[in-house]
Amino acid sequence: MNDKPLSGKLALVTGASRGIGAATAEALAKAGAHVILVARSSAALEEIEERIHQAGGSATIAPLDLTEGEGIGKLAAAVAERWEKLDILMLNAAMLGSLSPVQDIDAKEYARVLTLNVAANQALIAAFDPMLRRAQGDVIAVTSSVGHVPRAFWGAYGSSKAALENLLLTYADETQTVGKIRVHVIDPGATRTRMRALAFPGEEPEDVKPPEVVAEFILNRLLSDAPTGEMVRVNG
């Protein structure tokens, strides 16, 4: 059995400094991919990069605030200078924002949530679409159950994930025959992350699954013949 099934592949993971992003980046690197790690914190990215290298994998860090100016375009240009195609784009970076009734949502914070959770992901798709088409690659977007099952006080975050789901499933419909990109919308379910701890401060972390379970699910889906345009939930 090939223990490096992603050998020669290039992956880019946003929100790669912790949680699901970090765990998936490590899983992809272990499977042989070279992983571009994107997040705001250089120090945190360097820790993940070092872990990947110590495990025999390869990675490149790309510190970037996805909500700022022309950063995404510059990142795509830099990647395109070094590599011909992008095999895997994982859209994981997100902001929870405050949990509040709809009428009390802070407009400025809501704008930041929508910018990171939706607009930045569209910008990443736009910037990397040519490289993804050359690879006939995979796009993974991490969503939440509140994107399709409304929950009181989660209106800001939930509506951003609903928009993300619609955007990605539309992209799947557009590229299933032209470009042949596979799009996977993943609802990780309850997972032991910093965002989960902020949302559920009274919950025992050990009561929910670690991010490595989600990472393994994503890797297995990438290696399968799963179709494009599906939204799937990680149970466990």
C-alpha atoms as a PDB file:
ATOM      1  CA  MET A   1       0.000   0.000   0.000  1.00  0.00           C
ATOM      2  CA  ASN A   2       1.292   3.482  -0.912  1.00  0.00           C
ATOM      3  CA  ASP A   3       1.902   5.375   2.333  1.00  0.00           C
ATOM      4  CA  LYS A   4       2.504   8.624   0.370  1.00  0.00           C
ATOM      5  CA  PRO A   5      -0.566   8.759  -1.888  1.00  0.00           C
ATOM      6  CA  LEU A   6      -0.278  12.550  -2.237  1.00  0.00           C
ATOM      7  CA  SER A   7       3.381  12.513  -3.238  1.00  0.00           C
ATOM      8  CA  GLY A   8       4.069  15.271  -5.764  1.00  0.00           C
ATOM      9  CA  LYS A   9       0.842  17.118  -4.888  1.00  0.00           C
ATOM     10  CA  LEU A  10       0.599  20.709  -3.675  1.00  0.00           C
ATOM     11  CA  ALA A  11      -1.926  21.726  -1.010  1.00  0.00           C
ATOM     12  CA  LEU A  12      -2.767  25.111   0.495  1.00  0.00           C
ATOM     13  CA  VAL A  13      -4.532  25.239   3.866  1.00  0.00           C
ATOM     14  CA  THR A  14      -5.909  28.407   5.463  1.00  0.00           C
ATOM     15  CA  GLY A  15      -6.308  28.678   9.210  1.00  0.00           C
ATOM     16  CA  ALA A  16      -3.392  26.247   9.397  1.00  0.00           C
ATOM     17  CA  SER A  17      -1.923  27.417  12.701  1.00  0.00           C
ATOM     18  CA  ARG A  18      -4.241  25.392  14.957  1.00  0.00           C
ATOM     19  CA  GLY A  19      -7.286  23.144  15.199  1.00  0.00           C
ATOM     20  CA  ILE A  20      -8.724  21.471  12.115  1.00  0.00           C
ATOM     21  CA  GLY A  21      -6.477  23.423   9.760  1.00  0.00           C
ATOM     22  CA  ALA A  22      -3.270  22.395  11.504  1.00  0.00           C
ATOM     23  CA  ALA A  23      -4.362  18.767  11.875  1.00  0.00           C
ATOM     24  CA  THR A  24      -5.342  18.539   8.199  1.00  0.00           C
ATOM     25  CA  ALA A  25      -2.118  20.189   7.062  1.00  0.00           C
ATOM     26  CA  GLU A  26      -0.149  17.611   9.017  1.00  0.00           C
ATOM     27  CA  ALA A  27      -2.240  14.748   7.614  1.00  0.00           C
ATOM     28  CA  LEU A  28      -1.766  15.972   4.043  1.00  0.00           C
ATOM     29  CA  ALA A  29       1.979  16.360   4.563  1.00  0.00           C
ATOM     30  CA  LYS A  30       2.219  12.884   6.078  1.00  0.00           C
ATOM     31  CA  ALA A  31       0.494  11.577   2.947  1.00  0.00           C
ATOM     32  CA  GLY A  32       3.215  13.170   0.825  1.00  0.00           C
ATOM     33  CA  ALA A  33       1.831  16.562  -0.195  1.00  0.00           C
ATOM     34  CA  HIS A  34       3.844  19.756   0.065  1.00  0.00           C
ATOM     35  CA  VAL A  35       1.622  22.009   2.162  1.00  0.00           C
ATOM     36  CA  ILE A  36       1.476  25.811   2.083  1.00  0.00           C
ATOM     37  CA  LEU A  37       0.429  26.897   5.573  1.00  0.00           C
ATOM     38  CA  VAL A  38      -1.594  30.114   5.722  1.00  0.00           C
ATOM     39  CA  ALA A  39      -2.603  31.982   8.891  1.00  0.00           C
ATOM     40  CA  ARG A  40      -1.935  35.317  10.543  1.00  0.00           C
ATOM     41  CA  SER A  41       0.628  34.198  13.130  1.00  0.00           C
ATOM     42  CA  SER A  42       4.146  33.461  11.871  1.00  0.00           C
ATOM     43  CA  ALA A  43       5.193  31.908  15.178  1.00  0.00           C
ATOM     44  CA  ALA A  44       2.254  29.495  15.262  1.00  0.00           C
ATOM     45  CA  LEU A  45       2.802  28.527  11.617  1.00  0.00           C
ATOM     46  CA  GLU A  46       6.468  27.874  12.293  1.00  0.00           C
ATOM     47  CA  GLU A  47       5.489  25.400  15.015  1.00  0.00           C
ATOM     48  CA  ILE A  48       3.264  23.468  12.589  1.00  0.00           C
ATOM     49  CA  GLU A  49       5.937  23.602   9.902  1.00  0.00           C
ATOM     50  CA  GLU A  50       8.498  22.200  12.336  1.00  0.00           C
ATOM     51  CA  ARG A  51       6.162  19.372  13.334  1.00  0.00           C
ATOM     52  CA  ILE A  52       5.641  18.516   9.675  1.00  0.00           C
ATOM     53  CA  HIS A  53       9.382  18.519   8.996  1.00  0.00           C
ATOM     54  CA  GLN A  54      10.101  16.388  12.049  1.00  0.00           C
ATOM     55  CA  ALA A  55       7.570  13.853  10.765  1.00  0.00           C
ATOM     56  CA  GLY A  56       9.358  13.707   7.414  1.00  0.00           C
ATOM     57  CA  GLY A  57       6.989  15.975   5.480  1.00  0.00           C
ATOM     58  CA  SER A  58       7.469  19.280   3.674  1.00  0.00           C
ATOM     59  CA  ALA A  59       5.741  22.607   4.087  1.00  0.00           C
ATOM     60  CA  THR A  60       6.073  26.313   3.408  1.00  0.00           C
ATOM     61  CA  ILE A  61       4.621  28.998   5.671  1.00  0.00           C
ATOM     62  CA  ALA A  62       2.755  31.991   4.262  1.00  0.00           C
ATOM     63  CA  PRO A  63       1.757  34.393   7.061  1.00  0.00           C
ATOM     64  CA  LEU A  64      -1.215  36.404   5.835  1.00  0.00           C
ATOM     65  CA  ASP A  65      -4.280  38.217   7.118  1.00  0.00           C
ATOM     66  CA  LEU A  66      -6.860  37.096   4.572  1.00  0.00           C
ATOM     67  CA  THR A  67      -9.008  40.168   5.196  1.00  0.00           C
ATOM     68  CA  GLU A  68      -6.357  42.700   4.227  1.00  0.00           C
ATOM     69  CA  GLY A  69      -6.103  44.332   0.822  1.00  0.00           C
ATOM     70  CA  GLU A  70      -4.311  42.593  -2.006  1.00  0.00           C
ATOM     71  CA  GLY A  71      -2.673  39.891   0.100  1.00  0.00           C
ATOM     72  CA  ILE A  72      -4.515  36.984  -1.490  1.00  0.00           C
ATOM     73  CA  GLY A  73      -3.598  38.061  -5.015  1.00  0.00           C
ATOM     74  CA  LYS A  74       0.039  38.455  -4.022  1.00  0.00           C
ATOM     75  CA  LEU A  75       0.037  35.019  -2.395  1.00  0.00           C
ATOM     76  CA  ALA A  76      -1.401  33.427  -5.535  1.00  0.00           C
ATOM     77  CA  ALA A  77       1.186  35.167  -7.712  1.00  0.00           C
ATOM     78  CA  ALA A  78       4.008  33.934  -5.469  1.00  0.00           C
ATOM     79  CA  VAL A  79       2.677  30.369  -5.509  1.00  0.00           C
ATOM     80  CA  ALA A  80       2.239  30.433  -9.303  1.00  0.00           C
ATOM     81  CA  GLU A  81       5.861  31.544  -9.742  1.00  0.00           C
ATOM     82  CA  ARG A  82       7.090  28.409  -7.969  1.00  0.00           C
ATOM     83  CA  TRP A  83       4.473  25.794  -8.862  1.00  0.00           C
ATOM     84  CA  GLU A  84       2.457  25.087 -11.998  1.00  0.00           C
ATOM     85  CA  LYS A  85      -0.717  23.825 -10.361  1.00  0.00           C
ATOM     86  CA  LEU A  86      -2.547  23.555  -7.045  1.00  0.00           C
ATOM     87  CA  ASP A  87      -4.004  20.149  -6.247  1.00  0.00           C
ATOM     88  CA  ILE A  88      -5.791  20.922  -2.965  1.00  0.00           C
ATOM     89  CA  LEU A  89      -7.221  24.190  -1.622  1.00  0.00           C
ATOM     90  CA  MET A  90      -8.631  23.973   1.887  1.00  0.00           C
ATOM     91  CA  LEU A  91     -10.779  26.926   2.948  1.00  0.00           C
ATOM     92  CA  ASN A  92     -10.737  26.603   6.711  1.00  0.00           C
ATOM     93  CA  ALA A  93      -9.975  30.028   8.232  1.00  0.00           C
ATOM     94  CA  ALA A  94     -13.039  31.532   9.916  1.00  0.00           C
ATOM     95  CA  MET A  95     -14.168  33.933  12.612  1.00  0.00           C
ATOM     96  CA  LEU A  96     -16.935  33.153  15.113  1.00  0.00           C
ATOM     97  CA  GLY A  97     -17.852  36.672  16.151  1.00  0.00           C
ATOM     98  CA  SER A  98     -20.188  37.386  19.055  1.00  0.00           C
ATOM     99  CA  LEU A  99     -23.248  35.265  19.710  1.00  0.00           C
ATOM    100  CA  SER A 100     -26.229  37.606  19.932  1.00  0.00           C
ATOM    101  CA  PRO A 101     -29.840  38.109  18.833  1.00  0.00           C
ATOM    102  CA  VAL A 102     -30.154  39.212  15.216  1.00  0.00           C
ATOM    103  CA  GLN A 103     -31.319  42.698  16.164  1.00  0.00           C
ATOM    104  CA  ASP A 104     -28.232  43.180  18.336  1.00  0.00           C
ATOM    105  CA  ILE A 105     -25.585  42.056  15.826  1.00  0.00           C
ATOM    106  CA  ASP A 106     -22.788  44.617  15.722  1.00  0.00           C
ATOM    107  CA  ALA A 107     -22.531  45.898  12.152  1.00  0.00           C
ATOM    108  CA  LYS A 108     -18.760  46.331  12.150  1.00  0.00           C
ATOM    109  CA  GLU A 109     -18.105  42.891  13.615  1.00  0.00           C
ATOM    110  CA  TYR A 110     -20.612  41.330  11.205  1.00  0.00           C
ATOM    111  CA  ALA A 111     -18.750  42.910   8.309  1.00  0.00           C
ATOM    112  CA  ARG A 112     -15.495  41.327   9.558  1.00  0.00           C
ATOM    113  CA  VAL A 113     -17.185  37.931   9.901  1.00  0.00           C
ATOM    114  CA  LEU A 114     -18.550  38.116   6.351  1.00  0.00           C
ATOM    115  CA  THR A 115     -15.224  39.329   4.986  1.00  0.00           C
ATOM    116  CA  LEU A 116     -13.225  36.427   6.409  1.00  0.00           C
ATOM    117  CA  ASN A 117     -15.830  33.674   6.228  1.00  0.00           C
ATOM    118  CA  VAL A 118     -17.201  34.470   2.765  1.00  0.00           C
ATOM    119  CA  ALA A 119     -15.457  37.181   0.747  1.00  0.00           C
ATOM    120  CA  ALA A 120     -11.916  35.986   1.464  1.00  0.00           C
ATOM    121  CA  ASN A 121     -12.859  32.472   0.377  1.00  0.00           C
ATOM    122  CA  GLN A 122     -14.304  33.758  -2.891  1.00  0.00           C
ATOM    123  CA  ALA A 123     -11.103  35.739  -3.405  1.00  0.00           C
ATOM    124  CA  LEU A 124      -9.018  32.605  -2.805  1.00  0.00           C
ATOM    125  CA  ILE A 125     -11.068  30.667  -5.345  1.00  0.00           C
ATOM    126  CA  ALA A 126     -10.731  33.478  -7.873  1.00  0.00           C
ATOM    127  CA  ALA A 127      -6.981  33.742  -7.345  1.00  0.00           C
ATOM    128  CA  PHE A 128      -6.238  30.012  -7.487  1.00  0.00           C
ATOM    129  CA  ASP A 129      -8.880  28.874 -10.002  1.00  0.00           C
ATOM    130  CA  PRO A 130      -6.389  28.662 -12.925  1.00  0.00           C
ATOM    131  CA  MET A 131      -3.982  26.496 -10.892  1.00  0.00           C
ATOM    132  CA  LEU A 132      -6.842  24.320  -9.630  1.00  0.00           C
ATOM    133  CA  ARG A 133      -8.135  23.765 -13.165  1.00  0.00           C
ATOM    134  CA  ARG A 134      -4.686  22.732 -14.366  1.00  0.00           C
ATOM    135  CA  ALA A 135      -4.564  20.162 -11.585  1.00  0.00           C
ATOM    136  CA  GLN A 136      -8.236  19.153 -11.831  1.00  0.00           C
ATOM    137  CA  GLY A 137      -7.872  19.662  -8.106  1.00  0.00           C
ATOM    138  CA  ASP A 138      -9.978  19.550  -4.976  1.00  0.00           C
ATOM    139  CA  VAL A 139     -11.464  22.409  -2.961  1.00  0.00           C
ATOM    140  CA  ILE A 140     -12.485  21.746   0.639  1.00  0.00           C
ATOM    141  CA  ALA A 141     -14.595  24.246   2.551  1.00  0.00           C
ATOM    142  CA  VAL A 142     -15.253  23.857   6.263  1.00  0.00           C
ATOM    143  CA  THR A 143     -18.775  24.803   7.294  1.00  0.00           C
ATOM    144  CA  SER A 144     -20.984  24.377  10.373  1.00  0.00           C
ATOM    145  CA  SER A 145     -24.394  22.896  11.049  1.00  0.00           C
ATOM    146  CA  VAL A 146     -25.664  26.406  11.819  1.00  0.00           C
ATOM    147  CA  GLY A 147     -25.115  27.263   8.158  1.00  0.00           C
ATOM    148  CA  HIS A 148     -28.087  25.082   7.221  1.00  0.00           C
ATOM    149  CA  VAL A 149     -29.914  24.591  10.554  1.00  0.00           C
ATOM    150  CA  PRO A 150     -30.587  28.033  12.100  1.00  0.00           C
ATOM    151  CA  ARG A 151     -29.908  28.361  15.822  1.00  0.00           C
ATOM    152  CA  ALA A 152     -30.852  31.223  18.147  1.00  0.00           C
ATOM    153  CA  PHE A 153     -28.058  33.759  18.709  1.00  0.00           C
ATOM    154  CA  TRP A 154     -25.875  32.272  15.934  1.00  0.00           C
ATOM    155  CA  GLY A 155     -27.261  34.496  13.155  1.00  0.00           C
ATOM    156  CA  ALA A 156     -24.035  36.269  12.220  1.00  0.00           C
ATOM    157  CA  TYR A 157     -21.811  33.201  12.024  1.00  0.00           C
ATOM    158  CA  GLY A 158     -24.582  30.963  10.692  1.00  0.00           C
ATOM    159  CA  SER A 159     -25.495  33.309   7.851  1.00  0.00           C
ATOM    160  CA  SER A 160     -21.825  33.562   6.856  1.00  0.00           C
ATOM    161  CA  LYS A 161     -21.597  29.772   6.645  1.00  0.00           C
ATOM    162  CA  ALA A 162     -24.878  29.589   4.707  1.00  0.00           C
ATOM    163  CA  ALA A 163     -23.396  32.008   2.172  1.00  0.00           C
ATOM    164  CA  LEU A 164     -20.176  29.974   2.035  1.00  0.00           C
ATOM    165  CA  GLU A 165     -22.092  26.756   1.391  1.00  0.00           C
ATOM    166  CA  ASN A 166     -24.099  28.320  -1.438  1.00  0.00           C
ATOM    167  CA  LEU A 167     -20.977  29.866  -2.961  1.00  0.00           C
ATOM    168  CA  LEU A 168     -19.024  26.599  -2.934  1.00  0.00           C
ATOM    169  CA  LEU A 169     -21.855  24.412  -4.167  1.00  0.00           C
ATOM    170  CA  THR A 170     -22.398  26.891  -7.001  1.00  0.00           C
ATOM    171  CA  TYR A 171     -18.696  26.650  -7.854  1.00  0.00           C
ATOM    172  CA  ALA A 172     -19.060  22.864  -7.839  1.00  0.00           C
ATOM    173  CA  ASP A 173     -21.919  23.089 -10.333  1.00  0.00           C
ATOM    174  CA  GLU A 174     -19.880  25.388 -12.563  1.00  0.00           C
ATOM    175  CA  THR A 175     -16.737  23.250 -12.575  1.00  0.00           C
ATOM    176  CA  GLN A 176     -18.023  19.676 -12.603  1.00  0.00           C
ATOM    177  CA  THR A 177     -17.627  19.414 -16.383  1.00  0.00           C
ATOM    178  CA  VAL A 178     -15.477  22.439 -17.272  1.00  0.00           C
ATOM    179  CA  GLY A 179     -12.277  22.284 -15.242  1.00  0.00           C
ATOM    180  CA  LYS A 180     -13.355  19.118 -13.438  1.00  0.00           C
ATOM    181  CA  ILE A 181     -12.603  20.489  -9.988  1.00  0.00           C
ATOM    182  CA  ARG A 182     -14.072  18.521  -7.076  1.00  0.00           C
ATOM    183  CA  VAL A 183     -15.667  20.601  -4.327  1.00  0.00           C
ATOM    184  CA  HIS A 184     -16.296  19.187  -0.856  1.00  0.00           C
ATOM    185  CA  VAL A 185     -18.221  21.097   1.831  1.00  0.00           C
ATOM    186  CA  ILE A 186     -17.349  19.542   5.186  1.00  0.00           C
ATOM    187  CA  ASP A 187     -19.340  20.006   8.386  1.00  0.00           C
ATOM    188  CA  PRO A 188     -16.901  18.751  11.050  1.00  0.00           C
ATOM    189  CA  GLY A 189     -19.513  18.472  13.792  1.00  0.00           C
ATOM    190  CA  ALA A 190     -18.516  18.992  17.426  1.00  0.00           C
ATOM    191  CA  THR A 191     -14.711  19.156  17.441  1.00  0.00           C
ATOM    192  CA  ARG A 192     -12.130  20.112  20.048  1.00  0.00           C
ATOM    193  CA  THR A 193     -11.046  23.535  18.740  1.00  0.00           C
ATOM    194  CA  ARG A 194     -10.482  27.015  20.123  1.00  0.00           C
ATOM    195  CA  MET A 195     -13.617  28.254  18.355  1.00  0.00           C
ATOM    196  CA  ARG A 196     -15.653  25.467  19.977  1.00  0.00           C
ATOM    197  CA  ALA A 197     -14.270  26.422  23.397  1.00  0.00           C
ATOM    198  CA  LEU A 198     -15.289  30.053  22.842  1.00  0.00           C
ATOM    199  CA  ALA A 199     -18.793  29.062  21.765  1.00  0.00           C
ATOM    200  CA  PHE A 200     -19.330  26.472  24.510  1.00  0.00           C
ATOM    201  CA  PRO A 201     -17.216  27.593  27.485  1.00  0.00           C
ATOM    202  CA  GLY A 202     -18.796  25.107  29.900  1.00  0.00           C
ATOM    203  CA  GLU A 203     -18.131  22.062  27.762  1.00  0.00           C
ATOM    204  CA  GLU A 204     -15.447  19.558  28.689  1.00  0.00           C
ATOM    205  CA  PRO A 205     -12.985  19.378  25.758  1.00  0.00           C
ATOM    206  CA  GLU A 206     -12.651  15.618  26.172  1.00  0.00           C
ATOM    207  CA  ASP A 207     -16.366  15.245  25.432  1.00  0.00           C
ATOM    208  CA  VAL A 208     -15.868  16.084  21.740  1.00  0.00           C
ATOM    209  CA  LYS A 209     -13.620  14.548  19.105  1.00  0.00           C
ATOM    210  CA  PRO A 210     -10.106  15.908  18.421  1.00  0.00           C
ATOM    211  CA  PRO A 211      -9.392  17.700  15.132  1.00  0.00           C
ATOM    212  CA  GLU A 212      -7.280  14.765  13.954  1.00  0.00           C
ATOM    213  CA  VAL A 213     -10.508  12.805  13.382  1.00  0.00           C
ATOM    214  CA  VAL A 214     -11.732  15.480  10.974  1.00  0.00           C
ATOM    215  CA  ALA A 215      -8.329  15.613   9.273  1.00  0.00           C
ATOM    216  CA  GLU A 216      -8.404  11.859   8.662  1.00  0.00           C
ATOM    217  CA  PHE A 217     -11.928  12.124   7.248  1.00  0.00           C
ATOM    218  CA  ILE A 218     -10.833  14.864   4.842  1.00  0.00           C
ATOM    219  CA  LEU A 219      -7.767  12.911   3.725  1.00  0.00           C
ATOM    220  CA  ASN A 220      -9.823   9.781   3.097  1.00  0.00           C
ATOM    221  CA  ARG A 221     -12.360  11.762   1.085  1.00  0.00           C
ATOM    222  CA  LEU A 222      -9.622  13.268  -1.067  1.00  0.00           C
ATOM    223  CA  LEU A 223      -8.255   9.802  -1.777  1.00  0.00           C
ATOM    224  CA  SER A 224     -11.690   8.376  -2.616  1.00  0.00           C
ATOM    225  CA  ASP A 225     -13.783   8.721  -5.757  1.00  0.00           C
ATOM    226  CA  ALA A 226     -16.252  10.980  -3.921  1.00  0.00           C
ATOM    227  CA  PRO A 227     -18.279  13.207  -6.256  1.00  0.00           C
ATOM    228  CA  THR A 228     -18.158  16.978  -6.399  1.00  0.00           C
ATOM    229  CA  GLY A 229     -20.746  19.227  -4.836  1.00  0.00           C
ATOM    230  CA  GLU A 230     -21.582  17.235  -1.732  1.00  0.00           C
ATOM    231  CA  MET A 231     -21.966  18.547   1.791  1.00  0.00           C
ATOM    232  CA  VAL A 232     -20.993  15.895   4.308  1.00  0.00           C
ATOM    233  CA  ARG A 233     -20.828  15.764   8.102  1.00  0.00           C
ATOM    234  CA  VAL A 234     -18.082  14.161  10.150  1.00  0.00           C
ATOM    235  CA  ASN A 235     -19.682  11.999  12.806  1.00  0.00           C
ATOM    236  CA  GLY A 236     -18.019  10.831  15.981  1.00  0.00           C
END
